[in-house]
Amino acid sequence: MATLTSGRTSAGTGLNTPLNLVATGWGLTSALVGLFVVCFALSFVWPAGGGPHAWIRLFASQPDNVLRTLVEGVLGSAAAAWLTAVLFVPVYNRLAER
């Protein structure tokens, strides 16, 4: 069985740079807040859809109040992102040293 190989080294070979906590936190924050805002907007466009409403219920406790839901969702998404980054980055950096 033949395998595909190239003479080039991969980008990760030989690099021993740790994952940056702040960069990971901001990246996860932008992703989760962006997903929340998209689902929040979709809940107005497609009110019968279950997906957007389920994502909103993950991060907001009062879906009846529109402004409070938006603020709670953005803050909850940001908090979840930073909690994930604080837990993930040290574990990843420790395992990547091996």
PDB file of N, CA and C in Angstrom:
ATOM      1  N   MET A   1       0.841  -1.152   0.000  1.00  0.00           N
ATOM      2  CA  MET A   1       0.000   0.000   0.000  1.00  0.00           C
ATOM      3  C   MET A   1       0.903   1.237   0.000  1.00  0.00           C
ATOM      4  N   ALA A   2       0.617   2.157  -0.874  1.00  0.00           N
ATOM      5  CA  ALA A   2       1.427   3.360  -1.002  1.00  0.00           C
ATOM      6  C   ALA A   2       0.906   4.444  -0.064  1.00  0.00           C
ATOM      7  N   THR A   3       1.830   5.244   0.440  1.00  0.00           N
ATOM      8  CA  THR A   3       1.445   6.386   1.268  1.00  0.00           C
ATOM      9  C   THR A   3       1.921   7.657   0.597  1.00  0.00           C
ATOM     10  N   LEU A   4       1.218   8.716   0.860  1.00  0.00           N
ATOM     11  CA  LEU A   4       1.600  10.001   0.305  1.00  0.00           C
ATOM     12  C   LEU A   4       2.554  10.692   1.263  1.00  0.00           C
ATOM     13  N   THR A   5       3.713  11.070   0.763  1.00  0.00           N
ATOM     14  CA  THR A   5       4.681  11.795   1.576  1.00  0.00           C
ATOM     15  C   THR A   5       5.235  12.946   0.761  1.00  0.00           C
ATOM     16  N   SER A   6       5.716  13.914   1.462  1.00  0.00           N
ATOM     17  CA  SER A   6       6.381  15.020   0.794  1.00  0.00           C
ATOM     18  C   SER A   6       7.674  15.317   1.533  1.00  0.00           C
ATOM     19  N   GLY A   7       8.545  16.024   0.892  1.00  0.00           N
ATOM     20  CA  GLY A   7       9.818  16.363   1.494  1.00  0.00           C
ATOM     21  C   GLY A   7       9.722  17.513   2.481  1.00  0.00           C
ATOM     22  N   ARG A   8       8.581  18.172   2.504  1.00  0.00           N
ATOM     23  CA  ARG A   8       8.431  19.322   3.398  1.00  0.00           C
ATOM     24  C   ARG A   8       8.081  18.863   4.809  1.00  0.00           C
ATOM     25  N   THR A   9       8.539  19.629   5.790  1.00  0.00           N
ATOM     26  CA  THR A   9       8.153  19.338   7.163  1.00  0.00           C
ATOM     27  C   THR A   9       6.851  20.072   7.470  1.00  0.00           C
ATOM     28  N   SER A  10       6.085  19.517   8.374  1.00  0.00           N
ATOM     29  CA  SER A  10       4.823  20.166   8.726  1.00  0.00           C
ATOM     30  C   SER A  10       5.087  21.393   9.588  1.00  0.00           C
ATOM     31  N   ALA A  11       4.104  22.252   9.674  1.00  0.00           N
ATOM     32  CA  ALA A  11       4.266  23.514  10.389  1.00  0.00           C
ATOM     33  C   ALA A  11       4.507  23.299  11.881  1.00  0.00           C
ATOM     34  N   GLY A  12       3.959  22.243  12.452  1.00  0.00           N
ATOM     35  CA  GLY A  12       4.089  22.024  13.884  1.00  0.00           C
ATOM     36  C   GLY A  12       5.334  21.260  14.283  1.00  0.00           C
ATOM     37  N   THR A  13       6.096  20.748  13.359  1.00  0.00           N
ATOM     38  CA  THR A  13       7.253  19.936  13.680  1.00  0.00           C
ATOM     39  C   THR A  13       8.391  20.805  14.201  1.00  0.00           C
ATOM     40  N   GLY A  14       8.871  20.468  15.371  1.00  0.00           N
ATOM     41  CA  GLY A  14      10.018  21.158  15.920  1.00  0.00           C
ATOM     42  C   GLY A  14       9.703  22.463  16.632  1.00  0.00           C
ATOM     43  N   LEU A  15       8.468  22.889  16.626  1.00  0.00           N
ATOM     44  CA  LEU A  15       8.122  24.119  17.321  1.00  0.00           C
ATOM     45  C   LEU A  15       7.674  23.780  18.733  1.00  0.00           C
ATOM     46  N   ASN A  16       8.225  24.472  19.692  1.00  0.00           N
ATOM     47  CA  ASN A  16       7.854  24.239  21.082  1.00  0.00           C
ATOM     48  C   ASN A  16       7.315  25.525  21.672  1.00  0.00           C
ATOM     49  N   THR A  17       6.277  26.063  21.069  1.00  0.00           N
ATOM     50  CA  THR A  17       5.680  27.293  21.568  1.00  0.00           C
ATOM     51  C   THR A  17       4.401  26.953  22.313  1.00  0.00           C
ATOM     52  N   PRO A  18       4.260  27.454  23.528  1.00  0.00           N
ATOM     53  CA  PRO A  18       3.039  27.159  24.290  1.00  0.00           C
ATOM     54  C   PRO A  18       1.847  27.935  23.746  1.00  0.00           C
ATOM     55  N   LEU A  19       0.677  27.418  24.033  1.00  0.00           N
ATOM     56  CA  LEU A  19      -0.563  28.073  23.641  1.00  0.00           C
ATOM     57  C   LEU A  19      -0.769  29.297  24.535  1.00  0.00           C
ATOM     58  N   ASN A  20      -1.114  30.413  23.931  1.00  0.00           N
ATOM     59  CA  ASN A  20      -1.282  31.664  24.656  1.00  0.00           C
ATOM     60  C   ASN A  20      -2.680  31.716  25.262  1.00  0.00           C
ATOM     61  N   LEU A  21      -2.756  31.935  26.576  1.00  0.00           N
ATOM     62  CA  LEU A  21      -4.034  31.961  27.282  1.00  0.00           C
ATOM     63  C   LEU A  21      -4.917  33.113  26.819  1.00  0.00           C
ATOM     64  N   VAL A  22      -4.356  34.296  26.670  1.00  0.00           N
ATOM     65  CA  VAL A  22      -5.148  35.463  26.289  1.00  0.00           C
ATOM     66  C   VAL A  22      -5.674  35.317  24.858  1.00  0.00           C
ATOM     67  N   ALA A  23      -4.822  34.868  23.953  1.00  0.00           N
ATOM     68  CA  ALA A  23      -5.264  34.693  22.569  1.00  0.00           C
ATOM     69  C   ALA A  23      -6.345  33.622  22.460  1.00  0.00           C
ATOM     70  N   THR A  24      -6.179  32.548  23.192  1.00  0.00           N
ATOM     71  CA  THR A  24      -7.191  31.494  23.185  1.00  0.00           C
ATOM     72  C   THR A  24      -8.495  31.982  23.796  1.00  0.00           C
ATOM     73  N   GLY A  25      -8.399  32.731  24.884  1.00  0.00           N
ATOM     74  CA  GLY A  25      -9.601  33.274  25.519  1.00  0.00           C
ATOM     75  C   GLY A  25     -10.363  34.210  24.605  1.00  0.00           C
ATOM     76  N   TRP A  26      -9.642  35.112  23.925  1.00  0.00           N
ATOM     77  CA  TRP A  26     -10.327  36.032  23.012  1.00  0.00           C
ATOM     78  C   TRP A  26     -10.877  35.309  21.790  1.00  0.00           C
ATOM     79  N   GLY A  27     -10.168  34.313  21.309  1.00  0.00           N
ATOM     80  CA  GLY A  27     -10.679  33.547  20.171  1.00  0.00           C
ATOM     81  C   GLY A  27     -11.951  32.796  20.508  1.00  0.00           C
ATOM     82  N   LEU A  28     -11.959  32.137  21.664  1.00  0.00           N
ATOM     83  CA  LEU A  28     -13.170  31.430  22.086  1.00  0.00           C
ATOM     84  C   LEU A  28     -14.305  32.409  22.393  1.00  0.00           C
ATOM     85  N   THR A  29     -13.970  33.560  22.970  1.00  0.00           N
ATOM     86  CA  THR A  29     -14.994  34.563  23.255  1.00  0.00           C
ATOM     87  C   THR A  29     -15.651  35.048  21.977  1.00  0.00           C
ATOM     88  N   SER A  30     -14.845  35.365  20.979  1.00  0.00           N
ATOM     89  CA  SER A  30     -15.434  35.849  19.723  1.00  0.00           C
ATOM     90  C   SER A  30     -16.271  34.766  19.054  1.00  0.00           C
ATOM     91  N   ALA A  31     -15.847  33.518  19.148  1.00  0.00           N
ATOM     92  CA  ALA A  31     -16.621  32.436  18.536  1.00  0.00           C
ATOM     93  C   ALA A  31     -17.951  32.220  19.254  1.00  0.00           C
ATOM     94  N   LEU A  32     -17.924  32.129  20.588  1.00  0.00           N
ATOM     95  CA  LEU A  32     -19.159  31.853  21.320  1.00  0.00           C
ATOM     96  C   LEU A  32     -20.117  33.040  21.310  1.00  0.00           C
ATOM     97  N   VAL A  33     -19.594  34.253  21.441  1.00  0.00           N
ATOM     98  CA  VAL A  33     -20.459  35.425  21.374  1.00  0.00           C
ATOM     99  C   VAL A  33     -21.044  35.570  19.973  1.00  0.00           C
ATOM    100  N   GLY A  34     -20.227  35.330  18.964  1.00  0.00           N
ATOM    101  CA  GLY A  34     -20.725  35.389  17.588  1.00  0.00           C
ATOM    102  C   GLY A  34     -21.812  34.374  17.329  1.00  0.00           C
ATOM    103  N   LEU A  35     -21.628  33.148  17.802  1.00  0.00           N
ATOM    104  CA  LEU A  35     -22.669  32.126  17.641  1.00  0.00           C
ATOM    105  C   LEU A  35     -23.944  32.509  18.381  1.00  0.00           C
ATOM    106  N   PHE A  36     -23.796  33.084  19.576  1.00  0.00           N
ATOM    107  CA  PHE A  36     -24.983  33.495  20.322  1.00  0.00           C
ATOM    108  C   PHE A  36     -25.740  34.594  19.586  1.00  0.00           C
ATOM    109  N   VAL A  37     -25.020  35.575  19.073  1.00  0.00           N
ATOM    110  CA  VAL A  37     -25.683  36.679  18.364  1.00  0.00           C
ATOM    111  C   VAL A  37     -26.363  36.173  17.094  1.00  0.00           C
ATOM    112  N   VAL A  38     -25.731  35.259  16.377  1.00  0.00           N
ATOM    113  CA  VAL A  38     -26.354  34.691  15.173  1.00  0.00           C
ATOM    114  C   VAL A  38     -27.626  33.927  15.549  1.00  0.00           C
ATOM    115  N   CYS A  39     -27.561  33.110  16.587  1.00  0.00           N
ATOM    116  CA  CYS A  39     -28.751  32.368  17.015  1.00  0.00           C
ATOM    117  C   CYS A  39     -29.824  33.301  17.559  1.00  0.00           C
ATOM    118  N   PHE A  40     -29.415  34.372  18.230  1.00  0.00           N
ATOM    119  CA  PHE A  40     -30.369  35.359  18.734  1.00  0.00           C
ATOM    120  C   PHE A  40     -31.107  36.011  17.569  1.00  0.00           C
ATOM    121  N   ALA A  41     -30.382  36.366  16.524  1.00  0.00           N
ATOM    122  CA  ALA A  41     -31.013  36.963  15.340  1.00  0.00           C
ATOM    123  C   ALA A  41     -31.895  35.944  14.618  1.00  0.00           C
ATOM    124  N   LEU A  42     -31.438  34.691  14.532  1.00  0.00           N
ATOM    125  CA  LEU A  42     -32.237  33.652  13.871  1.00  0.00           C
ATOM    126  C   LEU A  42     -33.529  33.361  14.619  1.00  0.00           C
ATOM    127  N   SER A  43     -33.534  33.569  15.931  1.00  0.00           N
ATOM    128  CA  SER A  43     -34.760  33.302  16.680  1.00  0.00           C
ATOM    129  C   SER A  43     -35.873  34.284  16.308  1.00  0.00           C
ATOM    130  N   PHE A  44     -35.516  35.465  15.786  1.00  0.00           N
ATOM    131  CA  PHE A  44     -36.531  36.410  15.316  1.00  0.00           C
ATOM    132  C   PHE A  44     -36.948  36.103  13.888  1.00  0.00           C
ATOM    133  N   VAL A  45     -35.996  35.655  13.083  1.00  0.00           N
ATOM    134  CA  VAL A  45     -36.288  35.333  11.684  1.00  0.00           C
ATOM    135  C   VAL A  45     -37.070  34.030  11.584  1.00  0.00           C
ATOM    136  N   TRP A  46     -36.703  33.042  12.400  1.00  0.00           N
ATOM    137  CA  TRP A  46     -37.312  31.718  12.362  1.00  0.00           C
ATOM    138  C   TRP A  46     -37.777  31.356  13.777  1.00  0.00           C
ATOM    139  N   PRO A  47     -38.930  31.892  14.214  1.00  0.00           N
ATOM    140  CA  PRO A  47     -39.361  31.704  15.601  1.00  0.00           C
ATOM    141  C   PRO A  47     -39.697  30.262  15.967  1.00  0.00           C
ATOM    142  N   ALA A  48     -40.047  29.443  14.999  1.00  0.00           N
ATOM    143  CA  ALA A  48     -40.419  28.058  15.302  1.00  0.00           C
ATOM    144  C   ALA A  48     -39.210  27.128  15.350  1.00  0.00           C
ATOM    145  N   GLY A  49     -38.053  27.618  14.960  1.00  0.00           N
ATOM    146  CA  GLY A  49     -36.855  26.777  14.935  1.00  0.00           C
ATOM    147  C   GLY A  49     -36.372  26.442  16.332  1.00  0.00           C
ATOM    148  N   GLY A  50     -36.020  25.202  16.541  1.00  0.00           N
ATOM    149  CA  GLY A  50     -35.581  24.781  17.869  1.00  0.00           C
ATOM    150  C   GLY A  50     -34.117  25.038  18.148  1.00  0.00           C
ATOM    151  N   GLY A  51     -33.284  25.048  17.120  1.00  0.00           N
ATOM    152  CA  GLY A  51     -31.850  25.221  17.310  1.00  0.00           C
ATOM    153  C   GLY A  51     -31.453  26.543  17.928  1.00  0.00           C
ATOM    154  N   PRO A  52     -31.904  27.651  17.354  1.00  0.00           N
ATOM    155  CA  PRO A  52     -31.535  28.939  17.957  1.00  0.00           C
ATOM    156  C   PRO A  52     -32.037  29.096  19.385  1.00  0.00           C
ATOM    157  N   HIS A  53     -33.241  28.616  19.646  1.00  0.00           N
ATOM    158  CA  HIS A  53     -33.797  28.763  20.994  1.00  0.00           C
ATOM    159  C   HIS A  53     -33.039  27.896  21.998  1.00  0.00           C
ATOM    160  N   ALA A  54     -32.601  26.724  21.577  1.00  0.00           N
ATOM    161  CA  ALA A  54     -31.833  25.865  22.476  1.00  0.00           C
ATOM    162  C   ALA A  54     -30.498  26.505  22.829  1.00  0.00           C
ATOM    163  N   TRP A  55     -29.831  27.122  21.845  1.00  0.00           N
ATOM    164  CA  TRP A  55     -28.543  27.777  22.105  1.00  0.00           C
ATOM    165  C   TRP A  55     -28.746  28.975  23.031  1.00  0.00           C
ATOM    166  N   ILE A  56     -29.829  29.719  22.848  1.00  0.00           N
ATOM    167  CA  ILE A  56     -30.112  30.879  23.699  1.00  0.00           C
ATOM    168  C   ILE A  56     -30.368  30.434  25.128  1.00  0.00           C
ATOM    169  N   ARG A  57     -31.086  29.325  25.307  1.00  0.00           N
ATOM    170  CA  ARG A  57     -31.378  28.834  26.659  1.00  0.00           C
ATOM    171  C   ARG A  57     -30.125  28.347  27.383  1.00  0.00           C
ATOM    172  N   LEU A  58     -29.050  28.042  26.651  1.00  0.00           N
ATOM    173  CA  LEU A  58     -27.807  27.643  27.314  1.00  0.00           C
ATOM    174  C   LEU A  58     -27.206  28.785  28.122  1.00  0.00           C
ATOM    175  N   PHE A  59     -27.318  30.006  27.621  1.00  0.00           N
ATOM    176  CA  PHE A  59     -26.609  31.129  28.218  1.00  0.00           C
ATOM    177  C   PHE A  59     -27.506  32.204  28.814  1.00  0.00           C
ATOM    178  N   ALA A  60     -28.810  32.135  28.633  1.00  0.00           N
ATOM    179  CA  ALA A  60     -29.718  33.165  29.155  1.00  0.00           C
ATOM    180  C   ALA A  60     -30.836  32.504  29.958  1.00  0.00           C
ATOM    181  N   SER A  61     -31.216  33.158  31.061  1.00  0.00           N
ATOM    182  CA  SER A  61     -32.226  32.557  31.935  1.00  0.00           C
ATOM    183  C   SER A  61     -33.627  33.108  31.706  1.00  0.00           C
ATOM    184  N   GLN A  62     -33.751  34.282  31.106  1.00  0.00           N
ATOM    185  CA  GLN A  62     -35.064  34.903  30.898  1.00  0.00           C
ATOM    186  C   GLN A  62     -35.296  35.174  29.420  1.00  0.00           C
ATOM    187  N   PRO A  63     -35.779  34.199  28.670  1.00  0.00           N
ATOM    188  CA  PRO A  63     -35.976  34.430  27.244  1.00  0.00           C
ATOM    189  C   PRO A  63     -37.147  35.352  26.909  1.00  0.00           C
ATOM    190  N   ASP A  64     -37.928  35.762  27.902  1.00  0.00           N
ATOM    191  CA  ASP A  64     -39.062  36.647  27.638  1.00  0.00           C
ATOM    192  C   ASP A  64     -38.632  38.096  27.446  1.00  0.00           C
ATOM    193  N   ASN A  65     -37.632  38.543  28.175  1.00  0.00           N
ATOM    194  CA  ASN A  65     -37.132  39.906  28.087  1.00  0.00           C
ATOM    195  C   ASN A  65     -35.995  39.946  27.061  1.00  0.00           C
ATOM    196  N   VAL A  66     -36.209  40.618  25.941  1.00  0.00           N
ATOM    197  CA  VAL A  66     -35.273  40.573  24.817  1.00  0.00           C
ATOM    198  C   VAL A  66     -33.927  41.190  25.183  1.00  0.00           C
ATOM    199  N   LEU A  67     -33.918  42.361  25.777  1.00  0.00           N
ATOM    200  CA  LEU A  67     -32.662  43.035  26.103  1.00  0.00           C
ATOM    201  C   LEU A  67     -31.882  42.264  27.163  1.00  0.00           C
ATOM    202  N   ARG A  68     -32.579  41.798  28.179  1.00  0.00           N
ATOM    203  CA  ARG A  68     -31.905  41.028  29.230  1.00  0.00           C
ATOM    204  C   ARG A  68     -31.349  39.716  28.677  1.00  0.00           C
ATOM    205  N   THR A  69     -32.082  39.089  27.774  1.00  0.00           N
ATOM    206  CA  THR A  69     -31.603  37.861  27.149  1.00  0.00           C
ATOM    207  C   THR A  69     -30.328  38.109  26.359  1.00  0.00           C
ATOM    208  N   LEU A  70     -30.283  39.199  25.615  1.00  0.00           N
ATOM    209  CA  LEU A  70     -29.093  39.518  24.831  1.00  0.00           C
ATOM    210  C   LEU A  70     -27.895  39.781  25.733  1.00  0.00           C
ATOM    211  N   VAL A  71     -28.084  40.574  26.770  1.00  0.00           N
ATOM    212  CA  VAL A  71     -26.971  40.895  27.679  1.00  0.00           C
ATOM    213  C   VAL A  71     -26.509  39.645  28.428  1.00  0.00           C
ATOM    214  N   GLU A  72     -27.442  38.869  28.959  1.00  0.00           N
ATOM    215  CA  GLU A  72     -27.079  37.637  29.662  1.00  0.00           C
ATOM    216  C   GLU A  72     -26.377  36.647  28.736  1.00  0.00           C
ATOM    217  N   GLY A  73     -26.850  36.554  27.515  1.00  0.00           N
ATOM    218  CA  GLY A  73     -26.252  35.622  26.570  1.00  0.00           C
ATOM    219  C   GLY A  73     -24.840  36.001  26.179  1.00  0.00           C
ATOM    220  N   VAL A  74     -24.615  37.283  25.939  1.00  0.00           N
ATOM    221  CA  VAL A  74     -23.265  37.732  25.578  1.00  0.00           C
ATOM    222  C   VAL A  74     -22.315  37.545  26.762  1.00  0.00           C
ATOM    223  N   LEU A  75     -22.747  37.952  27.948  1.00  0.00           N
ATOM    224  CA  LEU A  75     -21.895  37.794  29.131  1.00  0.00           C
ATOM    225  C   LEU A  75     -21.687  36.318  29.487  1.00  0.00           C
ATOM    226  N   GLY A  76     -22.731  35.520  29.360  1.00  0.00           N
ATOM    227  CA  GLY A  76     -22.595  34.089  29.627  1.00  0.00           C
ATOM    228  C   GLY A  76     -21.687  33.395  28.634  1.00  0.00           C
ATOM    229  N   SER A  77     -21.771  33.772  27.378  1.00  0.00           N
ATOM    230  CA  SER A  77     -20.889  33.205  26.361  1.00  0.00           C
ATOM    231  C   SER A  77     -19.441  33.589  26.622  1.00  0.00           C
ATOM    232  N   ALA A  78     -19.214  34.841  26.991  1.00  0.00           N
ATOM    233  CA  ALA A  78     -17.854  35.293  27.288  1.00  0.00           C
ATOM    234  C   ALA A  78     -17.303  34.575  28.522  1.00  0.00           C
ATOM    235  N   ALA A  79     -18.135  34.424  29.545  1.00  0.00           N
ATOM    236  CA  ALA A  79     -17.684  33.728  30.753  1.00  0.00           C
ATOM    237  C   ALA A  79     -17.367  32.269  30.466  1.00  0.00           C
ATOM    238  N   ALA A  80     -18.197  31.616  29.674  1.00  0.00           N
ATOM    239  CA  ALA A  80     -17.939  30.215  29.318  1.00  0.00           C
ATOM    240  C   ALA A  80     -16.663  30.088  28.491  1.00  0.00           C
ATOM    241  N   ALA A  81     -16.424  31.042  27.614  1.00  0.00           N
ATOM    242  CA  ALA A  81     -15.217  31.005  26.787  1.00  0.00           C
ATOM    243  C   ALA A  81     -13.960  31.158  27.635  1.00  0.00           C
ATOM    244  N   TRP A  82     -13.960  32.113  28.554  1.00  0.00           N
ATOM    245  CA  TRP A  82     -12.772  32.315  29.388  1.00  0.00           C
ATOM    246  C   TRP A  82     -12.573  31.173  30.374  1.00  0.00           C
ATOM    247  N   LEU A  83     -13.648  30.611  30.896  1.00  0.00           N
ATOM    248  CA  LEU A  83     -13.516  29.444  31.765  1.00  0.00           C
ATOM    249  C   LEU A  83     -12.910  28.270  30.999  1.00  0.00           C
ATOM    250  N   THR A  84     -13.377  28.074  29.775  1.00  0.00           N
ATOM    251  CA  THR A  84     -12.821  27.018  28.935  1.00  0.00           C
ATOM    252  C   THR A  84     -11.344  27.263  28.642  1.00  0.00           C
ATOM    253  N   ALA A  85     -10.986  28.500  28.336  1.00  0.00           N
ATOM    254  CA  ALA A  85      -9.586  28.820  28.044  1.00  0.00           C
ATOM    255  C   ALA A  85      -8.703  28.601  29.272  1.00  0.00           C
ATOM    256  N   VAL A  86      -9.184  29.020  30.446  1.00  0.00           N
ATOM    257  CA  VAL A  86      -8.388  28.871  31.676  1.00  0.00           C
ATOM    258  C   VAL A  86      -8.184  27.395  32.014  1.00  0.00           C
ATOM    259  N   LEU A  87      -9.164  26.563  31.716  1.00  0.00           N
ATOM    260  CA  LEU A  87      -9.022  25.134  31.985  1.00  0.00           C
ATOM    261  C   LEU A  87      -8.239  24.411  30.890  1.00  0.00           C
ATOM    262  N   PHE A  88      -8.419  24.821  29.645  1.00  0.00           N
ATOM    263  CA  PHE A  88      -7.841  24.098  28.520  1.00  0.00           C
ATOM    264  C   PHE A  88      -6.364  24.398  28.305  1.00  0.00           C
ATOM    265  N   VAL A  89      -5.980  25.669  28.344  1.00  0.00           N
ATOM    266  CA  VAL A  89      -4.623  26.066  27.957  1.00  0.00           C
ATOM    267  C   VAL A  89      -3.547  25.446  28.855  1.00  0.00           C
ATOM    268  N   PRO A  90      -3.671  25.486  30.184  1.00  0.00           N
ATOM    269  CA  PRO A  90      -2.612  24.849  30.984  1.00  0.00           C
ATOM    270  C   PRO A  90      -2.498  23.337  30.752  1.00  0.00           C
ATOM    271  N   VAL A  91      -3.634  22.674  30.592  1.00  0.00           N
ATOM    272  CA  VAL A  91      -3.597  21.231  30.343  1.00  0.00           C
ATOM    273  C   VAL A  91      -2.948  20.949  28.992  1.00  0.00           C
ATOM    274  N   TYR A  92      -3.321  21.712  27.975  1.00  0.00           N
ATOM    275  CA  TYR A  92      -2.735  21.529  26.649  1.00  0.00           C
ATOM    276  C   TYR A  92      -1.231  21.791  26.680  1.00  0.00           C
ATOM    277  N   ASN A  93      -0.822  22.884  27.307  1.00  0.00           N
ATOM    278  CA  ASN A  93       0.602  23.208  27.355  1.00  0.00           C
ATOM    279  C   ASN A  93       1.395  22.146  28.106  1.00  0.00           C
ATOM    280  N   ARG A  94       0.818  21.606  29.170  1.00  0.00           N
ATOM    281  CA  ARG A  94       1.507  20.554  29.921  1.00  0.00           C
ATOM    282  C   ARG A  94       1.657  19.281  29.080  1.00  0.00           C
ATOM    283  N   LEU A  95       0.575  18.917  28.379  1.00  0.00           N
ATOM    284  CA  LEU A  95       0.636  17.710  27.549  1.00  0.00           C
ATOM    285  C   LEU A  95       1.506  17.896  26.317  1.00  0.00           C
ATOM    286  N   ALA A  96       1.566  19.121  25.783  1.00  0.00           N
ATOM    287  CA  ALA A  96       2.368  19.381  24.596  1.00  0.00           C
ATOM    288  C   ALA A  96       3.853  19.347  24.894  1.00  0.00           C
ATOM    289  N   GLU A  97       4.251  19.522  26.164  1.00  0.00           N
ATOM    290  CA  GLU A  97       5.665  19.452  26.531  1.00  0.00           C
ATOM    291  C   GLU A  97       6.221  18.053  26.376  1.00  0.00           C
ATOM    292  N   ARG A  98       5.399  17.076  26.455  1.00  0.00           N
ATOM    293  CA  ARG A  98       5.870  15.673  26.432  1.00  0.00           C
ATOM    294  C   ARG A  98       6.297  15.243  25.096  1.00  0.00           C
TER     295      ARG A  98
END
